[in-house]
Amino acid sequence: MQRRILIGALAASLVAATAVQAQDKWPSKAITYVVPFGPGGTTDVLARLVTSKAGRRWAPPS
Protein backbone atom coordinates (compact mmCIF):
# COMPACT_ATOMS: atom_id res chain seq x y z
CA MET A 1 0.00 0.00 0.00
CA GLN A 2 2.75 2.46 0.90
CA ARG A 3 4.59 1.60 -2.29
CA ARG A 4 1.56 2.68 -4.38
CA ILE A 5 1.30 5.94 -2.46
CA LEU A 6 5.00 6.64 -3.01
CA ILE A 7 4.77 5.92 -6.74
CA GLY A 8 1.64 8.08 -7.02
CA ALA A 9 3.30 10.97 -5.21
CA LEU A 10 6.38 10.70 -7.43
CA ALA A 11 4.25 10.71 -10.59
CA ALA A 12 2.24 13.70 -9.38
CA SER A 13 5.38 15.69 -8.60
CA LEU A 14 6.81 14.99 -12.08
CA VAL A 15 3.59 16.14 -13.75
CA ALA A 16 3.47 19.28 -11.61
CA ALA A 17 7.09 20.14 -12.43
CA THR A 18 6.48 19.99 -16.18
CA ALA A 19 3.28 22.05 -15.88
CA VAL A 20 5.12 24.85 -14.09
CA GLN A 21 7.75 25.01 -16.83
CA ALA A 22 5.11 25.24 -19.57
CA GLN A 23 3.40 28.33 -18.15
CA ASP A 24 4.06 31.86 -19.35
CA LYS A 25 5.10 34.51 -16.88
CA TRP A 26 1.98 35.91 -15.21
CA PRO A 27 0.52 38.44 -15.93
CA SER A 28 1.19 38.31 -19.65
CA LYS A 29 -1.24 41.16 -20.45
CA ALA A 30 -2.92 44.08 -18.67
CA ILE A 31 -5.24 43.33 -15.76
CA THR A 32 -8.54 45.21 -15.54
CA TYR A 33 -9.66 46.02 -12.01
CA VAL A 34 -13.37 46.88 -11.83
CA VAL A 35 -14.76 48.78 -8.84
CA PRO A 36 -18.58 48.74 -8.82
CA PHE A 37 -18.89 52.02 -6.91
CA GLY A 38 -18.57 55.67 -7.87
CA PRO A 39 -15.33 57.65 -7.69
CA GLY A 40 -14.26 59.37 -4.49
CA GLY A 41 -15.55 56.83 -2.00
CA THR A 42 -13.62 54.59 0.35
CA THR A 43 -13.81 51.65 -2.03
CA ASP A 44 -12.40 53.74 -4.87
CA VAL A 45 -9.50 55.00 -2.75
CA LEU A 46 -8.64 51.49 -1.57
CA ALA A 47 -8.83 50.13 -5.12
CA ARG A 48 -6.46 52.84 -6.34
CA LEU A 49 -3.97 52.02 -3.57
CA VAL A 50 -4.11 48.29 -4.31
CA THR A 51 -3.72 48.71 -8.07
CA SER A 52 -0.86 51.19 -7.61
CA LYS A 53 1.14 48.77 -5.47
CA ALA A 54 0.26 45.79 -7.68
CA GLY A 55 1.31 47.71 -10.78
CA ARG A 56 4.72 48.46 -9.30
CA ARG A 57 5.18 44.87 -8.18
CA TRP A 58 4.03 43.21 -11.44
CA ALA A 59 5.47 45.76 -13.87
CA PRO A 60 7.80 44.23 -16.43
CA PRO A 61 11.43 45.21 -15.90
CA SER A 62 12.66 48.00 -18.15
PDB file of N, CA and C in Angstrom:
ATOM      1  N   MET A   1       0.825  -1.199   0.000  1.00  0.00           N
ATOM      2  CA  MET A   1       0.000   0.000   0.000  1.00  0.00           C
ATOM      3  C   MET A   1       0.866   1.259   0.000  1.00  0.00           C
ATOM      4  N   GLN A   2       1.888   1.289   0.839  1.00  0.00           N
ATOM      5  CA  GLN A   2       2.748   2.463   0.903  1.00  0.00           C
ATOM      6  C   GLN A   2       3.548   2.633  -0.381  1.00  0.00           C
ATOM      7  N   ARG A   3       3.846   1.534  -1.034  1.00  0.00           N
ATOM      8  CA  ARG A   3       4.586   1.604  -2.293  1.00  0.00           C
ATOM      9  C   ARG A   3       3.749   2.307  -3.363  1.00  0.00           C
ATOM     10  N   ARG A   4       2.457   2.023  -3.414  1.00  0.00           N
ATOM     11  CA  ARG A   4       1.563   2.677  -4.376  1.00  0.00           C
ATOM     12  C   ARG A   4       1.456   4.178  -4.094  1.00  0.00           C
ATOM     13  N   ILE A   5       1.384   4.531  -2.831  1.00  0.00           N
ATOM     14  CA  ILE A   5       1.304   5.940  -2.457  1.00  0.00           C
ATOM     15  C   ILE A   5       2.581   6.656  -2.870  1.00  0.00           C
ATOM     16  N   LEU A   6       3.721   6.045  -2.638  1.00  0.00           N
ATOM     17  CA  LEU A   6       4.998   6.635  -3.007  1.00  0.00           C
ATOM     18  C   LEU A   6       5.106   6.815  -4.525  1.00  0.00           C
ATOM     19  N   ILE A   7       4.720   5.825  -5.279  1.00  0.00           N
ATOM     20  CA  ILE A   7       4.769   5.917  -6.742  1.00  0.00           C
ATOM     21  C   ILE A   7       3.795   6.984  -7.235  1.00  0.00           C
ATOM     22  N   GLY A   8       2.611   7.051  -6.648  1.00  0.00           N
ATOM     23  CA  GLY A   8       1.641   8.077  -7.024  1.00  0.00           C
ATOM     24  C   GLY A   8       2.141   9.479  -6.723  1.00  0.00           C
ATOM     25  N   ALA A   9       2.759   9.655  -5.575  1.00  0.00           N
ATOM     26  CA  ALA A   9       3.300  10.968  -5.206  1.00  0.00           C
ATOM     27  C   ALA A   9       4.443  11.370  -6.139  1.00  0.00           C
ATOM     28  N   LEU A  10       5.279  10.418  -6.501  1.00  0.00           N
ATOM     29  CA  LEU A  10       6.377  10.698  -7.428  1.00  0.00           C
ATOM     30  C   LEU A  10       5.840  11.094  -8.800  1.00  0.00           C
ATOM     31  N   ALA A  11       4.844  10.383  -9.297  1.00  0.00           N
ATOM     32  CA  ALA A  11       4.249  10.708 -10.593  1.00  0.00           C
ATOM     33  C   ALA A  11       3.584  12.082 -10.564  1.00  0.00           C
ATOM     34  N   ALA A  12       2.899  12.399  -9.490  1.00  0.00           N
ATOM     35  CA  ALA A  12       2.237  13.696  -9.376  1.00  0.00           C
ATOM     36  C   ALA A  12       3.260  14.833  -9.343  1.00  0.00           C
ATOM     37  N   SER A  13       4.370  14.639  -8.669  1.00  0.00           N
ATOM     38  CA  SER A  13       5.383  15.692  -8.603  1.00  0.00           C
ATOM     39  C   SER A  13       6.053  15.896  -9.962  1.00  0.00           C
ATOM     40  N   LEU A  14       6.234  14.843 -10.743  1.00  0.00           N
ATOM     41  CA  LEU A  14       6.810  14.988 -12.076  1.00  0.00           C
ATOM     42  C   LEU A  14       5.870  15.737 -13.004  1.00  0.00           C
ATOM     43  N   VAL A  15       4.580  15.443 -12.917  1.00  0.00           N
ATOM     44  CA  VAL A  15       3.592  16.136 -13.752  1.00  0.00           C
ATOM     45  C   VAL A  15       3.515  17.599 -13.359  1.00  0.00           C
ATOM     46  N   ALA A  16       3.540  17.893 -12.076  1.00  0.00           N
ATOM     47  CA  ALA A  16       3.469  19.281 -11.612  1.00  0.00           C
ATOM     48  C   ALA A  16       4.699  20.070 -12.042  1.00  0.00           C
ATOM     49  N   ALA A  17       5.859  19.449 -12.028  1.00  0.00           N
ATOM     50  CA  ALA A  17       7.088  20.142 -12.426  1.00  0.00           C
ATOM     51  C   ALA A  17       7.054  20.529 -13.897  1.00  0.00           C
ATOM     52  N   THR A  18       6.542  19.654 -14.758  1.00  0.00           N
ATOM     53  CA  THR A  18       6.479  19.986 -16.181  1.00  0.00           C
ATOM     54  C   THR A  18       5.407  21.032 -16.450  1.00  0.00           C
ATOM     55  N   ALA A  19       4.332  21.051 -15.685  1.00  0.00           N
ATOM     56  CA  ALA A  19       3.282  22.048 -15.878  1.00  0.00           C
ATOM     57  C   ALA A  19       3.775  23.443 -15.519  1.00  0.00           C
ATOM     58  N   VAL A  20       4.595  23.556 -14.502  1.00  0.00           N
ATOM     59  CA  VAL A  20       5.120  24.853 -14.093  1.00  0.00           C
ATOM     60  C   VAL A  20       6.049  25.403 -15.177  1.00  0.00           C
ATOM     61  N   GLN A  21       6.826  24.568 -15.794  1.00  0.00           N
ATOM     62  CA  GLN A  21       7.755  25.007 -16.835  1.00  0.00           C
ATOM     63  C   GLN A  21       7.028  25.462 -18.086  1.00  0.00           C
ATOM     64  N   ALA A  22       5.846  24.934 -18.346  1.00  0.00           N
ATOM     65  CA  ALA A  22       5.114  25.235 -19.570  1.00  0.00           C
ATOM     66  C   ALA A  22       4.355  26.559 -19.490  1.00  0.00           C
ATOM     67  N   GLN A  23       4.194  27.122 -18.309  1.00  0.00           N
ATOM     68  CA  GLN A  23       3.397  28.327 -18.153  1.00  0.00           C
ATOM     69  C   GLN A  23       4.186  29.574 -18.529  1.00  0.00           C
ATOM     70  N   ASP A  24       3.472  30.560 -19.085  1.00  0.00           N
ATOM     71  CA  ASP A  24       4.059  31.858 -19.350  1.00  0.00           C
ATOM     72  C   ASP A  24       4.166  32.629 -18.042  1.00  0.00           C
ATOM     73  N   LYS A  25       4.988  33.659 -18.061  1.00  0.00           N
ATOM     74  CA  LYS A  25       5.095  34.510 -16.879  1.00  0.00           C
ATOM     75  C   LYS A  25       3.785  35.266 -16.704  1.00  0.00           C
ATOM     76  N   TRP A  26       3.265  35.261 -15.470  1.00  0.00           N
ATOM     77  CA  TRP A  26       1.984  35.910 -15.207  1.00  0.00           C
ATOM     78  C   TRP A  26       2.234  37.272 -14.614  1.00  0.00           C
ATOM     79  N   PRO A  27       1.548  38.285 -14.908  1.00  0.00           N
ATOM     80  CA  PRO A  27       0.520  38.437 -15.932  1.00  0.00           C
ATOM     81  C   PRO A  27       1.154  38.732 -17.293  1.00  0.00           C
ATOM     82  N   SER A  28       0.634  38.125 -18.318  1.00  0.00           N
ATOM     83  CA  SER A  28       1.191  38.313 -19.653  1.00  0.00           C
ATOM     84  C   SER A  28       0.522  39.470 -20.391  1.00  0.00           C
ATOM     85  N   LYS A  29      -0.575  39.997 -19.847  1.00  0.00           N
ATOM     86  CA  LYS A  29      -1.235  41.159 -20.447  1.00  0.00           C
ATOM     87  C   LYS A  29      -1.831  42.015 -19.329  1.00  0.00           C
ATOM     88  N   ALA A  30      -2.386  43.144 -19.675  1.00  0.00           N
ATOM     89  CA  ALA A  30      -2.919  44.076 -18.675  1.00  0.00           C
ATOM     90  C   ALA A  30      -4.082  43.456 -17.893  1.00  0.00           C
ATOM     91  N   ILE A  31      -4.154  43.799 -16.629  1.00  0.00           N
ATOM     92  CA  ILE A  31      -5.238  43.332 -15.759  1.00  0.00           C
ATOM     93  C   ILE A  31      -6.220  44.483 -15.576  1.00  0.00           C
ATOM     94  N   THR A  32      -7.502  44.205 -15.742  1.00  0.00           N
ATOM     95  CA  THR A  32      -8.539  45.214 -15.537  1.00  0.00           C
ATOM     96  C   THR A  32      -9.150  45.016 -14.158  1.00  0.00           C
ATOM     97  N   TYR A  33      -9.128  46.058 -13.370  1.00  0.00           N
ATOM     98  CA  TYR A  33      -9.663  46.022 -12.012  1.00  0.00           C
ATOM     99  C   TYR A  33     -10.944  46.850 -12.001  1.00  0.00           C
ATOM    100  N   VAL A  34     -12.075  46.210 -11.774  1.00  0.00           N
ATOM    101  CA  VAL A  34     -13.373  46.880 -11.830  1.00  0.00           C
ATOM    102  C   VAL A  34     -13.873  47.141 -10.413  1.00  0.00           C
ATOM    103  N   VAL A  35     -14.198  48.396 -10.130  1.00  0.00           N
ATOM    104  CA  VAL A  35     -14.760  48.778  -8.836  1.00  0.00           C
ATOM    105  C   VAL A  35     -16.210  49.189  -9.092  1.00  0.00           C
ATOM    106  N   PRO A  36     -17.169  48.474  -8.515  1.00  0.00           N
ATOM    107  CA  PRO A  36     -18.578  48.736  -8.818  1.00  0.00           C
ATOM    108  C   PRO A  36     -19.200  49.902  -8.039  1.00  0.00           C
ATOM    109  N   PHE A  37     -18.392  50.856  -7.646  1.00  0.00           N
ATOM    110  CA  PHE A  37     -18.890  52.015  -6.914  1.00  0.00           C
ATOM    111  C   PHE A  37     -18.351  53.284  -7.556  1.00  0.00           C
ATOM    112  N   GLY A  38     -18.970  54.399  -7.289  1.00  0.00           N
ATOM    113  CA  GLY A  38     -18.571  55.672  -7.872  1.00  0.00           C
ATOM    114  C   GLY A  38     -17.228  56.166  -7.364  1.00  0.00           C
ATOM    115  N   PRO A  39     -16.630  57.119  -8.085  1.00  0.00           N
ATOM    116  CA  PRO A  39     -15.333  57.646  -7.691  1.00  0.00           C
ATOM    117  C   PRO A  39     -15.424  58.510  -6.429  1.00  0.00           C
ATOM    118  N   GLY A  40     -14.338  58.511  -5.660  1.00  0.00           N
ATOM    119  CA  GLY A  40     -14.258  59.371  -4.489  1.00  0.00           C
ATOM    120  C   GLY A  40     -14.619  58.706  -3.187  1.00  0.00           C
ATOM    121  N   GLY A  41     -15.168  57.519  -3.237  1.00  0.00           N
ATOM    122  CA  GLY A  41     -15.546  56.825  -2.005  1.00  0.00           C
ATOM    123  C   GLY A  41     -14.389  56.015  -1.440  1.00  0.00           C
ATOM    124  N   THR A  42     -14.639  55.398  -0.308  1.00  0.00           N
ATOM    125  CA  THR A  42     -13.615  54.589   0.351  1.00  0.00           C
ATOM    126  C   THR A  42     -13.186  53.422  -0.518  1.00  0.00           C
ATOM    127  N   THR A  43     -14.136  52.784  -1.164  1.00  0.00           N
ATOM    128  CA  THR A  43     -13.814  51.650  -2.026  1.00  0.00           C
ATOM    129  C   THR A  43     -12.931  52.083  -3.184  1.00  0.00           C
ATOM    130  N   ASP A  44     -13.201  53.225  -3.766  1.00  0.00           N
ATOM    131  CA  ASP A  44     -12.400  53.740  -4.871  1.00  0.00           C
ATOM    132  C   ASP A  44     -10.978  54.036  -4.420  1.00  0.00           C
ATOM    133  N   VAL A  45     -10.830  54.667  -3.272  1.00  0.00           N
ATOM    134  CA  VAL A  45      -9.504  55.005  -2.754  1.00  0.00           C
ATOM    135  C   VAL A  45      -8.700  53.732  -2.475  1.00  0.00           C
ATOM    136  N   LEU A  46      -9.327  52.748  -1.848  1.00  0.00           N
ATOM    137  CA  LEU A  46      -8.636  51.489  -1.571  1.00  0.00           C
ATOM    138  C   LEU A  46      -8.254  50.766  -2.860  1.00  0.00           C
ATOM    139  N   ALA A  47      -9.123  50.774  -3.837  1.00  0.00           N
ATOM    140  CA  ALA A  47      -8.828  50.129  -5.116  1.00  0.00           C
ATOM    141  C   ALA A  47      -7.647  50.805  -5.796  1.00  0.00           C
ATOM    142  N   ARG A  48      -7.579  52.116  -5.730  1.00  0.00           N
ATOM    143  CA  ARG A  48      -6.459  52.835  -6.340  1.00  0.00           C
ATOM    144  C   ARG A  48      -5.147  52.516  -5.630  1.00  0.00           C
ATOM    145  N   LEU A  49      -5.182  52.377  -4.311  1.00  0.00           N
ATOM    146  CA  LEU A  49      -3.973  52.017  -3.574  1.00  0.00           C
ATOM    147  C   LEU A  49      -3.505  50.608  -3.934  1.00  0.00           C
ATOM    148  N   VAL A  50      -4.442  49.684  -3.987  1.00  0.00           N
ATOM    149  CA  VAL A  50      -4.105  48.291  -4.311  1.00  0.00           C
ATOM    150  C   VAL A  50      -3.535  48.184  -5.721  1.00  0.00           C
ATOM    151  N   THR A  51      -4.194  48.815  -6.693  1.00  0.00           N
ATOM    152  CA  THR A  51      -3.715  48.712  -8.072  1.00  0.00           C
ATOM    153  C   THR A  51      -2.380  49.427  -8.258  1.00  0.00           C
ATOM    154  N   SER A  52      -2.144  50.486  -7.510  1.00  0.00           N
ATOM    155  CA  SER A  52      -0.863  51.189  -7.605  1.00  0.00           C
ATOM    156  C   SER A  52       0.279  50.289  -7.138  1.00  0.00           C
ATOM    157  N   LYS A  53       0.093  49.648  -6.003  1.00  0.00           N
ATOM    158  CA  LYS A  53       1.135  48.765  -5.472  1.00  0.00           C
ATOM    159  C   LYS A  53       1.285  47.515  -6.332  1.00  0.00           C
ATOM    160  N   ALA A  54       0.192  46.967  -6.816  1.00  0.00           N
ATOM    161  CA  ALA A  54       0.262  45.787  -7.679  1.00  0.00           C
ATOM    162  C   ALA A  54       0.939  46.118  -9.000  1.00  0.00           C
ATOM    163  N   GLY A  55       0.677  47.299  -9.537  1.00  0.00           N
ATOM    164  CA  GLY A  55       1.305  47.710 -10.783  1.00  0.00           C
ATOM    165  C   GLY A  55       2.815  47.829 -10.650  1.00  0.00           C
ATOM    166  N   ARG A  56       3.280  48.350  -9.523  1.00  0.00           N
ATOM    167  CA  ARG A  56       4.723  48.462  -9.295  1.00  0.00           C
ATOM    168  C   ARG A  56       5.356  47.082  -9.112  1.00  0.00           C
ATOM    169  N   ARG A  57       4.627  46.204  -8.450  1.00  0.00           N
ATOM    170  CA  ARG A  57       5.178  44.874  -8.182  1.00  0.00           C
ATOM    171  C   ARG A  57       5.201  44.005  -9.435  1.00  0.00           C
ATOM    172  N   TRP A  58       4.153  44.075 -10.265  1.00  0.00           N
ATOM    173  CA  TRP A  58       4.029  43.211 -11.435  1.00  0.00           C
ATOM    174  C   TRP A  58       4.515  43.852 -12.718  1.00  0.00           C
ATOM    175  N   ALA A  59       5.023  45.072 -12.651  1.00  0.00           N
ATOM    176  CA  ALA A  59       5.466  45.755 -13.867  1.00  0.00           C
ATOM    177  C   ALA A  59       6.644  45.009 -14.475  1.00  0.00           C
ATOM    178  N   PRO A  60       6.653  44.906 -15.796  1.00  0.00           N
ATOM    179  CA  PRO A  60       7.799  44.235 -16.430  1.00  0.00           C
ATOM    180  C   PRO A  60       9.064  45.071 -16.254  1.00  0.00           C
ATOM    181  N   PRO A  61      10.196  44.427 -16.067  1.00  0.00           N
ATOM    182  CA  PRO A  61      11.432  45.206 -15.898  1.00  0.00           C
ATOM    183  C   PRO A  61      11.793  45.957 -17.165  1.00  0.00           C
ATOM    184  N   SER A  62      12.315  47.158 -16.997  1.00  0.00           N
ATOM    185  CA  SER A  62      12.661  47.997 -18.149  1.00  0.00           C
ATOM    186  C   SER A  62      14.043  47.670 -18.668  1.00  0.00           C
TER     187      SER A  62
END
